[in-house]
Amino acid sequence: MTDKGSTVAKGSTKLIVFDWDGTLSDSVSRIVSCIQLASADHQMLAPTFDQAKDIIGLGLREAIGQLFPDAEEALVEEFSLSYSAHYRSQDSNPCDFFPNVLDTLQQLRDQDYLLAVATGKSRAGLDRVLGATGLAELFHGSRCADETASKPQPLMLEQLLQEFNLQPQQALMVGDTEFDMEMAVNAAMPRLGVSYGAHHANRLQRYQPIACIDHFAEIINLL
């Protein structure tokens, strides 16, 4: 675990907001594969693994726009549909969670933390995986990119704070990408990086997280 930035005062955190892909779910390879398959569907030059991994965390349309900045609106829409179809075809078998994620989330819930998700997934995608894994009851709230603003805009976090009547310093954002960290900065919320996801820890540390952890269970000791 690499410490960086200010610490969270003990007892101040009431709400913990988690990114999904690359933070809880080991889904990076599946996302990259579906982006590359959708590229082939439309005879577009497929991004490399690293190029596709780099946009994980953004909303789908924002991700496509970053990968293919010259794509017209109609193509962005068609690409979105292709990507979603490929992902749904593989999503009947949910991606594994990273080690100790489920046990740690349950411990946090048992310790009376409010748990929420802020994700670049669509609402349909998040609901599908929550239903398939039986985890819907574990989280108190969630926001998805297609029902609010995409990361790194802070609207997801601001809406969750409003829902639970909390101030930014009473919450903690946990994520694996610059988009997660920047979103938290924009919301004036403390943040915690994980080093095992889509973006290297050095990129996360630019946003002064309280730490960048190598194993998900380390969050228990930080709190």
C-alpha atoms as a PDB file:
ATOM      1  CA  MET A   1       0.000   0.000   0.000  1.00  0.00           C
ATOM      2  CA  THR A   2       1.350   3.414  -0.976  1.00  0.00           C
ATOM      3  CA  ASP A   3       0.263   6.339   1.170  1.00  0.00           C
ATOM      4  CA  LYS A   4      -0.392   9.623  -0.561  1.00  0.00           C
ATOM      5  CA  GLY A   5      -2.269  12.766   0.350  1.00  0.00           C
ATOM      6  CA  SER A   6      -4.266  13.570   3.456  1.00  0.00           C
ATOM      7  CA  THR A   7      -5.883  11.017   5.723  1.00  0.00           C
ATOM      8  CA  VAL A   8      -9.530  10.497   6.551  1.00  0.00           C
ATOM      9  CA  ALA A   9     -10.410  11.370  10.129  1.00  0.00           C
ATOM     10  CA  LYS A  10     -11.465   8.228  11.969  1.00  0.00           C
ATOM     11  CA  GLY A  11     -15.219   8.010  12.304  1.00  0.00           C
ATOM     12  CA  SER A  12     -15.906  10.723   9.732  1.00  0.00           C
ATOM     13  CA  THR A  13     -16.703   8.413   6.807  1.00  0.00           C
ATOM     14  CA  LYS A  14     -20.342   7.408   6.526  1.00  0.00           C
ATOM     15  CA  LEU A  15     -20.636   6.599   2.819  1.00  0.00           C
ATOM     16  CA  ILE A  16     -18.208   4.611   0.652  1.00  0.00           C
ATOM     17  CA  VAL A  17     -18.715   4.890  -3.111  1.00  0.00           C
ATOM     18  CA  PHE A  18     -17.131   2.252  -5.329  1.00  0.00           C
ATOM     19  CA  ASP A  19     -16.374   2.194  -8.992  1.00  0.00           C
ATOM     20  CA  TRP A  20     -17.332  -1.193 -10.464  1.00  0.00           C
ATOM     21  CA  ASP A  21     -15.144  -2.276 -13.411  1.00  0.00           C
ATOM     22  CA  GLY A  22     -11.497  -2.598 -12.416  1.00  0.00           C
ATOM     23  CA  THR A  23     -12.210  -1.854  -8.754  1.00  0.00           C
ATOM     24  CA  LEU A  24     -14.687  -4.509  -7.637  1.00  0.00           C
ATOM     25  CA  SER A  25     -15.015  -6.576 -10.815  1.00  0.00           C
ATOM     26  CA  ASP A  26     -12.103  -8.052 -12.761  1.00  0.00           C
ATOM     27  CA  SER A  27     -13.743  -7.071 -16.043  1.00  0.00           C
ATOM     28  CA  VAL A  28     -11.067  -5.047 -17.844  1.00  0.00           C
ATOM     29  CA  SER A  29     -10.214  -7.785 -20.352  1.00  0.00           C
ATOM     30  CA  ARG A  30     -13.874  -8.363 -21.205  1.00  0.00           C
ATOM     31  CA  ILE A  31     -14.487  -4.659 -21.815  1.00  0.00           C
ATOM     32  CA  VAL A  32     -11.425  -4.394 -24.060  1.00  0.00           C
ATOM     33  CA  SER A  33     -12.466  -7.482 -26.013  1.00  0.00           C
ATOM     34  CA  CYS A  34     -15.964  -6.094 -26.629  1.00  0.00           C
ATOM     35  CA  ILE A  35     -14.563  -2.747 -27.785  1.00  0.00           C
ATOM     36  CA  GLN A  36     -12.310  -4.553 -30.255  1.00  0.00           C
ATOM     37  CA  LEU A  37     -15.168  -6.749 -31.493  1.00  0.00           C
ATOM     38  CA  ALA A  38     -17.383  -3.721 -32.022  1.00  0.00           C
ATOM     39  CA  SER A  39     -14.563  -2.054 -33.946  1.00  0.00           C
ATOM     40  CA  ALA A  40     -14.404  -5.044 -36.277  1.00  0.00           C
ATOM     41  CA  ASP A  41     -18.179  -4.910 -36.771  1.00  0.00           C
ATOM     42  CA  HIS A  42     -17.813  -1.419 -38.231  1.00  0.00           C
ATOM     43  CA  GLN A  43     -14.542  -1.966 -40.127  1.00  0.00           C
ATOM     44  CA  MET A  44     -12.747   0.438 -37.789  1.00  0.00           C
ATOM     45  CA  LEU A  45      -9.130   0.122 -36.711  1.00  0.00           C
ATOM     46  CA  ALA A  46      -9.383  -1.642 -33.383  1.00  0.00           C
ATOM     47  CA  PRO A  47      -7.632   0.043 -30.470  1.00  0.00           C
ATOM     48  CA  THR A  48      -4.821  -1.827 -28.768  1.00  0.00           C
ATOM     49  CA  PHE A  49      -5.425  -3.425 -25.397  1.00  0.00           C
ATOM     50  CA  ASP A  50      -3.787  -0.482 -23.630  1.00  0.00           C
ATOM     51  CA  GLN A  51      -5.691   2.098 -25.676  1.00  0.00           C
ATOM     52  CA  ALA A  52      -9.014   0.458 -24.917  1.00  0.00           C
ATOM     53  CA  LYS A  53      -8.150  -0.073 -21.258  1.00  0.00           C
ATOM     54  CA  ASP A  54      -7.326   3.595 -20.928  1.00  0.00           C
ATOM     55  CA  ILE A  55     -10.941   4.729 -21.423  1.00  0.00           C
ATOM     56  CA  ILE A  56     -12.510   2.299 -18.938  1.00  0.00           C
ATOM     57  CA  GLY A  57     -14.542   4.252 -16.412  1.00  0.00           C
ATOM     58  CA  LEU A  58     -16.035   6.718 -18.843  1.00  0.00           C
ATOM     59  CA  GLY A  59     -19.611   6.442 -20.023  1.00  0.00           C
ATOM     60  CA  LEU A  60     -19.868   4.388 -23.201  1.00  0.00           C
ATOM     61  CA  ARG A  61     -20.521   7.288 -25.566  1.00  0.00           C
ATOM     62  CA  GLU A  62     -17.749   9.346 -23.982  1.00  0.00           C
ATOM     63  CA  ALA A  63     -15.378   6.385 -24.274  1.00  0.00           C
ATOM     64  CA  ILE A  64     -16.191   5.909 -27.952  1.00  0.00           C
ATOM     65  CA  GLY A  65     -15.692   9.620 -28.567  1.00  0.00           C
ATOM     66  CA  GLN A  66     -12.257   9.475 -26.989  1.00  0.00           C
ATOM     67  CA  LEU A  67     -11.203   6.385 -28.930  1.00  0.00           C
ATOM     68  CA  PHE A  68     -12.639   7.614 -32.229  1.00  0.00           C
ATOM     69  CA  PRO A  69     -12.745  11.425 -32.085  1.00  0.00           C
ATOM     70  CA  ASP A  70     -13.723  11.748 -35.752  1.00  0.00           C
ATOM     71  CA  ALA A  71     -16.735   9.417 -35.491  1.00  0.00           C
ATOM     72  CA  GLU A  72     -20.027  11.024 -36.418  1.00  0.00           C
ATOM     73  CA  GLU A  73     -23.014  10.807 -34.106  1.00  0.00           C
ATOM     74  CA  ALA A  74     -24.711   8.026 -36.088  1.00  0.00           C
ATOM     75  CA  LEU A  75     -21.577   5.883 -35.940  1.00  0.00           C
ATOM     76  CA  VAL A  76     -21.198   6.481 -32.209  1.00  0.00           C
ATOM     77  CA  GLU A  77     -24.765   5.241 -31.747  1.00  0.00           C
ATOM     78  CA  GLU A  78     -24.202   2.169 -33.917  1.00  0.00           C
ATOM     79  CA  PHE A  79     -20.912   1.380 -32.174  1.00  0.00           C
ATOM     80  CA  SER A  80     -22.643   1.698 -28.785  1.00  0.00           C
ATOM     81  CA  LEU A  81     -25.255  -0.838 -29.836  1.00  0.00           C
ATOM     82  CA  SER A  82     -22.603  -3.251 -31.131  1.00  0.00           C
ATOM     83  CA  TYR A  83     -20.535  -2.982 -27.972  1.00  0.00           C
ATOM     84  CA  SER A  84     -23.579  -3.505 -25.759  1.00  0.00           C
ATOM     85  CA  ALA A  85     -24.657  -6.554 -27.749  1.00  0.00           C
ATOM     86  CA  HIS A  86     -21.210  -8.146 -27.441  1.00  0.00           C
ATOM     87  CA  TYR A  87     -21.069  -7.393 -23.722  1.00  0.00           C
ATOM     88  CA  ARG A  88     -24.547  -8.785 -23.053  1.00  0.00           C
ATOM     89  CA  SER A  89     -23.651 -11.977 -24.915  1.00  0.00           C
ATOM     90  CA  GLN A  90     -20.753 -12.539 -22.515  1.00  0.00           C
ATOM     91  CA  ASP A  91     -22.437 -11.167 -19.391  1.00  0.00           C
ATOM     92  CA  SER A  92     -24.475 -14.307 -18.738  1.00  0.00           C
ATOM     93  CA  ASN A  93     -21.297 -15.410 -16.981  1.00  0.00           C
ATOM     94  CA  PRO A  94     -20.427 -12.453 -14.688  1.00  0.00           C
ATOM     95  CA  CYS A  95     -16.768 -11.522 -14.335  1.00  0.00           C
ATOM     96  CA  ASP A  96     -15.019 -12.611 -11.168  1.00  0.00           C
ATOM     97  CA  PHE A  97     -14.582 -10.161  -8.344  1.00  0.00           C
ATOM     98  CA  PHE A  98     -11.082  -9.293  -7.227  1.00  0.00           C
ATOM     99  CA  PRO A  99      -9.798 -11.221  -4.179  1.00  0.00           C
ATOM    100  CA  ASN A 100     -11.563 -10.471  -0.885  1.00  0.00           C
ATOM    101  CA  VAL A 101     -14.005  -7.990  -2.437  1.00  0.00           C
ATOM    102  CA  LEU A 102     -17.173  -9.760  -1.323  1.00  0.00           C
ATOM    103  CA  ASP A 103     -15.976 -10.464   2.218  1.00  0.00           C
ATOM    104  CA  THR A 104     -14.714  -6.913   2.629  1.00  0.00           C
ATOM    105  CA  LEU A 105     -17.925  -5.339   1.335  1.00  0.00           C
ATOM    106  CA  GLN A 106     -19.918  -7.453   3.771  1.00  0.00           C
ATOM    107  CA  GLN A 107     -17.645  -6.394   6.634  1.00  0.00           C
ATOM    108  CA  LEU A 108     -18.142  -2.757   5.734  1.00  0.00           C
ATOM    109  CA  ARG A 109     -21.899  -3.221   5.556  1.00  0.00           C
ATOM    110  CA  ASP A 110     -21.861  -4.991   8.928  1.00  0.00           C
ATOM    111  CA  GLN A 111     -19.966  -2.001  10.346  1.00  0.00           C
ATOM    112  CA  ASP A 112     -22.880   0.240   9.286  1.00  0.00           C
ATOM    113  CA  TYR A 113     -21.193   2.035   6.399  1.00  0.00           C
ATOM    114  CA  LEU A 114     -23.462   3.112   3.593  1.00  0.00           C
ATOM    115  CA  LEU A 115     -22.234   1.491   0.368  1.00  0.00           C
ATOM    116  CA  ALA A 116     -22.856   2.812  -3.142  1.00  0.00           C
ATOM    117  CA  VAL A 117     -21.666   2.360  -6.718  1.00  0.00           C
ATOM    118  CA  ALA A 118     -20.712   5.098  -9.211  1.00  0.00           C
ATOM    119  CA  THR A 119     -19.954   3.494 -12.541  1.00  0.00           C
ATOM    120  CA  GLY A 120     -19.503   4.100 -16.239  1.00  0.00           C
ATOM    121  CA  LYS A 121     -21.763   1.082 -16.838  1.00  0.00           C
ATOM    122  CA  SER A 122     -25.293   1.612 -18.048  1.00  0.00           C
ATOM    123  CA  ARG A 123     -28.163   1.188 -15.616  1.00  0.00           C
ATOM    124  CA  ALA A 124     -29.238  -1.950 -17.476  1.00  0.00           C
ATOM    125  CA  GLY A 125     -25.693  -3.327 -17.265  1.00  0.00           C
ATOM    126  CA  LEU A 126     -25.310  -2.668 -13.559  1.00  0.00           C
ATOM    127  CA  ASP A 127     -28.746  -4.046 -12.725  1.00  0.00           C
ATOM    128  CA  ARG A 128     -27.975  -7.143 -14.794  1.00  0.00           C
ATOM    129  CA  VAL A 129     -24.748  -7.913 -12.953  1.00  0.00           C
ATOM    130  CA  LEU A 130     -26.218  -7.094  -9.539  1.00  0.00           C
ATOM    131  CA  GLY A 131     -29.058  -9.485 -10.260  1.00  0.00           C
ATOM    132  CA  ALA A 132     -26.779 -12.221 -11.563  1.00  0.00           C
ATOM    133  CA  THR A 133     -24.480 -12.015  -8.538  1.00  0.00           C
ATOM    134  CA  GLY A 134     -27.204 -11.515  -5.936  1.00  0.00           C
ATOM    135  CA  LEU A 135     -25.541  -8.360  -4.636  1.00  0.00           C
ATOM    136  CA  ALA A 136     -28.357  -5.868  -5.161  1.00  0.00           C
ATOM    137  CA  GLU A 137     -29.191  -5.815  -1.439  1.00  0.00           C
ATOM    138  CA  LEU A 138     -25.577  -5.121  -0.462  1.00  0.00           C
ATOM    139  CA  PHE A 139     -25.568  -1.570  -1.828  1.00  0.00           C
ATOM    140  CA  HIS A 140     -27.648   1.310  -0.532  1.00  0.00           C
ATOM    141  CA  GLY A 141     -27.459   3.355  -3.735  1.00  0.00           C
ATOM    142  CA  SER A 142     -25.927   3.633  -7.184  1.00  0.00           C
ATOM    143  CA  ARG A 143     -25.480   5.949 -10.147  1.00  0.00           C
ATOM    144  CA  CYS A 144     -24.708   4.993 -13.752  1.00  0.00           C
ATOM    145  CA  ALA A 145     -23.294   6.999 -16.628  1.00  0.00           C
ATOM    146  CA  ASP A 146     -26.428   6.856 -18.773  1.00  0.00           C
ATOM    147  CA  GLU A 147     -28.688   8.356 -16.092  1.00  0.00           C
ATOM    148  CA  THR A 148     -26.430  11.204 -14.947  1.00  0.00           C
ATOM    149  CA  ALA A 149     -23.164  12.799 -16.128  1.00  0.00           C
ATOM    150  CA  SER A 150     -20.145  10.668 -17.038  1.00  0.00           C
ATOM    151  CA  LYS A 151     -16.995  10.740 -14.980  1.00  0.00           C
ATOM    152  CA  PRO A 152     -14.986  12.866 -14.325  1.00  0.00           C
ATOM    153  CA  GLN A 153     -17.921  15.235 -13.841  1.00  0.00           C
ATOM    154  CA  PRO A 154     -18.973  15.135 -10.167  1.00  0.00           C
ATOM    155  CA  LEU A 155     -22.732  14.765 -10.626  1.00  0.00           C
ATOM    156  CA  MET A 156     -22.840  11.065  -9.677  1.00  0.00           C
ATOM    157  CA  LEU A 157     -21.222  11.807  -6.337  1.00  0.00           C
ATOM    158  CA  GLU A 158     -23.205  14.959  -5.726  1.00  0.00           C
ATOM    159  CA  GLN A 159     -26.461  13.075  -6.285  1.00  0.00           C
ATOM    160  CA  LEU A 160     -25.430  10.316  -3.890  1.00  0.00           C
ATOM    161  CA  LEU A 161     -24.465  12.866  -1.234  1.00  0.00           C
ATOM    162  CA  GLN A 162     -27.841  14.531  -1.641  1.00  0.00           C
ATOM    163  CA  GLU A 163     -29.637  11.174  -1.456  1.00  0.00           C
ATOM    164  CA  PHE A 164     -28.033  10.368   1.887  1.00  0.00           C
ATOM    165  CA  ASN A 165     -27.943  13.968   3.188  1.00  0.00           C
ATOM    166  CA  LEU A 166     -24.177  13.943   3.660  1.00  0.00           C
ATOM    167  CA  GLN A 167     -21.304  16.347   3.083  1.00  0.00           C
ATOM    168  CA  PRO A 168     -18.368  15.432   0.802  1.00  0.00           C
ATOM    169  CA  GLN A 169     -15.993  14.905   3.727  1.00  0.00           C
ATOM    170  CA  GLN A 170     -18.337  12.247   5.107  1.00  0.00           C
ATOM    171  CA  ALA A 171     -17.824  10.075   2.030  1.00  0.00           C
ATOM    172  CA  LEU A 172     -14.987   8.234   0.299  1.00  0.00           C
ATOM    173  CA  MET A 173     -14.646   7.442  -3.417  1.00  0.00           C
ATOM    174  CA  VAL A 174     -12.792   4.211  -4.256  1.00  0.00           C
ATOM    175  CA  GLY A 175     -11.636   3.637  -7.821  1.00  0.00           C
ATOM    176  CA  ASP A 176      -8.972   2.401 -10.216  1.00  0.00           C
ATOM    177  CA  THR A 177      -8.824   5.201 -12.807  1.00  0.00           C
ATOM    178  CA  GLU A 178      -7.958   8.840 -13.172  1.00  0.00           C
ATOM    179  CA  PHE A 179     -11.614   9.436 -13.994  1.00  0.00           C
ATOM    180  CA  ASP A 180     -12.634   8.193 -10.540  1.00  0.00           C
ATOM    181  CA  MET A 181     -10.013  10.288  -8.801  1.00  0.00           C
ATOM    182  CA  GLU A 182     -10.759  13.435 -10.812  1.00  0.00           C
ATOM    183  CA  MET A 183     -14.490  13.018 -10.203  1.00  0.00           C
ATOM    184  CA  ALA A 184     -13.839  12.882  -6.467  1.00  0.00           C
ATOM    185  CA  VAL A 185     -11.597  15.959  -6.636  1.00  0.00           C
ATOM    186  CA  ASN A 186     -14.346  17.788  -8.516  1.00  0.00           C
ATOM    187  CA  ALA A 187     -16.796  16.826  -5.767  1.00  0.00           C
ATOM    188  CA  ALA A 188     -14.328  17.798  -2.995  1.00  0.00           C
ATOM    189  CA  MET A 189     -14.546  14.197  -1.731  1.00  0.00           C
ATOM    190  CA  PRO A 190     -11.714  12.147  -0.199  1.00  0.00           C
ATOM    191  CA  ARG A 191     -10.556   9.356  -2.510  1.00  0.00           C
ATOM    192  CA  LEU A 192      -8.829   6.016  -2.377  1.00  0.00           C
ATOM    193  CA  GLY A 193      -7.074   4.435  -5.351  1.00  0.00           C
ATOM    194  CA  VAL A 194      -6.584   0.757  -6.106  1.00  0.00           C
ATOM    195  CA  SER A 195      -3.423  -0.238  -7.948  1.00  0.00           C
ATOM    196  CA  TYR A 196      -4.648  -3.402  -9.675  1.00  0.00           C
ATOM    197  CA  GLY A 197      -7.186  -1.958 -12.153  1.00  0.00           C
ATOM    198  CA  ALA A 198      -7.123  -0.128 -15.474  1.00  0.00           C
ATOM    199  CA  HIS A 199      -4.752   2.764 -14.640  1.00  0.00           C
ATOM    200  CA  HIS A 200      -1.314   2.570 -13.054  1.00  0.00           C
ATOM    201  CA  ALA A 201      -1.023   3.769  -9.469  1.00  0.00           C
ATOM    202  CA  ASN A 202       1.306   6.609 -10.518  1.00  0.00           C
ATOM    203  CA  ARG A 203      -1.552   8.130 -12.497  1.00  0.00           C
ATOM    204  CA  LEU A 204      -3.903   7.939  -9.527  1.00  0.00           C
ATOM    205  CA  GLN A 205      -1.441   9.520  -7.117  1.00  0.00           C
ATOM    206  CA  ARG A 206      -1.543  12.782  -9.072  1.00  0.00           C
ATOM    207  CA  TYR A 207      -4.960  13.323  -7.486  1.00  0.00           C
ATOM    208  CA  GLN A 208      -3.673  12.962  -3.920  1.00  0.00           C
ATOM    209  CA  PRO A 209      -5.711   9.975  -2.742  1.00  0.00           C
ATOM    210  CA  ILE A 210      -5.466   9.086   0.926  1.00  0.00           C
ATOM    211  CA  ALA A 211      -3.709   5.923  -0.265  1.00  0.00           C
ATOM    212  CA  CYS A 212      -3.378   3.619  -3.232  1.00  0.00           C
ATOM    213  CA  ILE A 213      -3.988   0.074  -2.051  1.00  0.00           C
ATOM    214  CA  ASP A 214      -2.710  -3.121  -3.665  1.00  0.00           C
ATOM    215  CA  HIS A 215      -5.360  -5.399  -2.106  1.00  0.00           C
ATOM    216  CA  PHE A 216      -9.021  -4.533  -1.655  1.00  0.00           C
ATOM    217  CA  ALA A 217      -9.172  -5.748   1.941  1.00  0.00           C
ATOM    218  CA  GLU A 218      -6.717  -3.028   2.996  1.00  0.00           C
ATOM    219  CA  ILE A 219      -9.622  -0.584   3.052  1.00  0.00           C
ATOM    220  CA  ILE A 220     -10.688  -2.028   6.405  1.00  0.00           C
ATOM    221  CA  ASN A 221      -7.464  -0.904   8.110  1.00  0.00           C
ATOM    222  CA  LEU A 222      -7.669   2.561   6.552  1.00  0.00           C
ATOM    223  CA  LEU A 223     -11.095   3.119   8.062  1.00  0.00           C
END
